[in-house]
Amino acid sequence: MIEITVIACPQPRQWIEKTISIEHSHELSQMIEILQKDPDWTFLQDKKDWTFSVWGRKVPMSYALSHLDRLEIVRGLLVDPKTARRERFKKQGTRTAGLFSKKRPGAKQGY
């Protein structure tokens, strides 16, 4: 028996984790087909929107899953994190954001 932990985040602040036992090793594409039959994993119908990784490393659909693998199903990013941080920083301004926003009375600038 091979045990594989499958973790997915279908929506923000919602995650699903399930340990699946199978008879023998499957390719990733076969495992996705098995998961799609389960009602909890119906969001996988459109494979193009998802990235699949094992232990945090992106893998092709032909990857052969092995015992104790952790399959992660990840949504694509809507906004680049660096761009979002720059925009947030512009909106907040330099005085109220960042590492030095709370300075002690009488302290030097930047400390």
Protein backbone atom coordinates (compact mmCIF):
# COMPACT_ATOMS: atom_id res chain seq x y z
CA MET A 1 0.00 0.00 0.00
CA ILE A 2 1.17 3.49 -0.83
CA GLU A 3 0.04 6.47 1.26
CA ILE A 4 -0.09 9.93 -0.30
CA THR A 5 -1.12 13.11 1.46
CA VAL A 6 -3.02 15.51 -0.81
CA ILE A 7 -3.38 19.16 0.20
CA ALA A 8 -5.27 21.86 -1.70
CA CYS A 9 -6.46 25.41 -1.16
CA PRO A 10 -9.52 25.85 -3.42
CA GLN A 11 -10.38 29.32 -2.07
CA PRO A 12 -8.68 31.88 0.17
CA ARG A 13 -8.60 30.77 3.84
CA GLN A 14 -9.99 27.32 2.97
CA TRP A 15 -7.90 24.17 2.68
CA ILE A 16 -8.48 20.46 2.26
CA GLU A 17 -6.08 17.76 3.44
CA LYS A 18 -6.61 14.07 2.89
CA THR A 19 -4.42 10.97 3.14
CA ILE A 20 -5.11 8.51 0.36
CA SER A 21 -4.03 4.86 0.30
CA ILE A 22 -3.63 3.22 -3.10
CA GLU A 23 -2.51 -0.24 -4.20
CA HIS A 24 0.40 0.78 -6.42
CA SER A 25 2.18 3.88 -7.71
CA HIS A 26 0.23 6.15 -10.06
CA GLU A 27 1.27 9.00 -12.28
CA LEU A 28 0.10 12.45 -11.23
CA SER A 29 -2.45 12.62 -14.06
CA GLN A 30 -4.02 9.32 -12.91
CA MET A 31 -4.15 10.55 -9.30
CA ILE A 32 -5.97 13.73 -10.39
CA GLU A 33 -8.56 11.58 -12.20
CA ILE A 34 -9.06 9.53 -9.01
CA LEU A 35 -9.45 12.71 -6.94
CA GLN A 36 -11.99 14.21 -9.36
CA LYS A 37 -14.41 11.36 -8.57
CA ASP A 38 -14.51 12.45 -4.89
CA PRO A 39 -17.11 15.20 -4.20
CA ASP A 40 -14.63 17.17 -2.05
CA TRP A 41 -12.28 17.59 -5.03
CA THR A 42 -14.73 18.67 -7.75
CA PHE A 43 -12.90 22.01 -8.08
CA LEU A 44 -10.16 20.11 -9.97
CA GLN A 45 -12.33 19.77 -13.09
CA ASP A 46 -10.35 22.55 -14.79
CA LYS A 47 -6.70 21.43 -14.49
CA LYS A 48 -5.37 24.56 -16.26
CA ASP A 49 -5.98 26.77 -13.21
CA TRP A 50 -3.90 24.60 -10.87
CA THR A 51 -0.22 23.93 -10.30
CA PHE A 52 0.81 20.57 -8.91
CA SER A 53 3.85 20.05 -6.73
CA VAL A 54 5.33 17.35 -4.52
CA TRP A 55 6.94 18.62 -1.31
CA GLY A 56 6.94 22.18 -2.72
CA ARG A 57 8.61 21.37 -6.05
CA LYS A 58 6.65 21.67 -9.27
CA VAL A 59 6.29 18.33 -11.06
CA PRO A 60 5.04 17.32 -14.54
CA MET A 61 1.82 15.37 -15.01
CA SER A 62 3.90 12.28 -15.83
CA TYR A 63 5.53 12.26 -12.35
CA ALA A 64 5.19 8.87 -10.62
CA LEU A 65 3.97 9.33 -7.05
CA SER A 66 5.68 7.25 -4.37
CA HIS A 67 5.03 6.26 -0.74
CA LEU A 68 4.63 9.19 1.71
CA ASP A 69 4.65 11.86 -1.01
CA ARG A 70 2.87 15.11 -0.21
CA LEU A 71 0.95 16.27 -3.28
CA GLU A 72 0.16 19.98 -3.15
CA ILE A 73 -2.46 21.52 -5.41
CA VAL A 74 -1.89 25.26 -5.65
CA ARG A 75 -3.93 28.09 -7.17
CA GLY A 76 -2.18 30.56 -9.45
CA LEU A 77 -1.33 34.00 -8.08
CA LEU A 78 -3.69 36.83 -9.03
CA VAL A 79 -1.12 39.55 -8.28
CA ASP A 80 2.65 39.43 -8.07
CA PRO A 81 3.55 39.76 -4.33
CA LYS A 82 6.31 42.31 -5.05
CA THR A 83 3.93 44.50 -7.04
CA ALA A 84 1.25 44.26 -4.33
CA ARG A 85 3.76 45.30 -1.65
CA ARG A 86 4.93 48.30 -3.72
CA GLU A 87 1.34 49.44 -4.28
CA ARG A 88 0.50 49.03 -0.59
CA PHE A 89 3.61 50.99 0.38
CA LYS A 90 2.70 53.83 -2.03
CA LYS A 91 -0.81 54.01 -0.57
CA GLN A 92 0.32 53.98 3.09
CA GLY A 93 3.29 56.30 2.66
CA THR A 94 6.75 55.97 4.16
CA ARG A 95 5.90 57.35 7.60
CA THR A 96 3.21 54.82 8.49
CA ALA A 97 4.61 51.66 6.90
CA GLY A 98 7.70 49.55 7.09
CA LEU A 99 10.27 48.61 9.67
CA PHE A 100 10.82 52.10 11.09
CA SER A 101 7.21 53.30 11.32
CA LYS A 102 7.20 53.24 15.15
CA LYS A 103 10.13 55.22 16.46
CA ARG A 104 10.84 56.11 20.04
CA PRO A 105 10.51 59.77 21.11
CA GLY A 106 13.86 61.49 20.64
CA ALA A 107 15.33 58.69 18.51
CA LYS A 108 17.40 59.38 15.41
CA GLN A 109 15.80 59.08 11.99
CA GLY A 110 15.76 55.44 10.86
CA TYR A 111 16.24 53.92 14.32
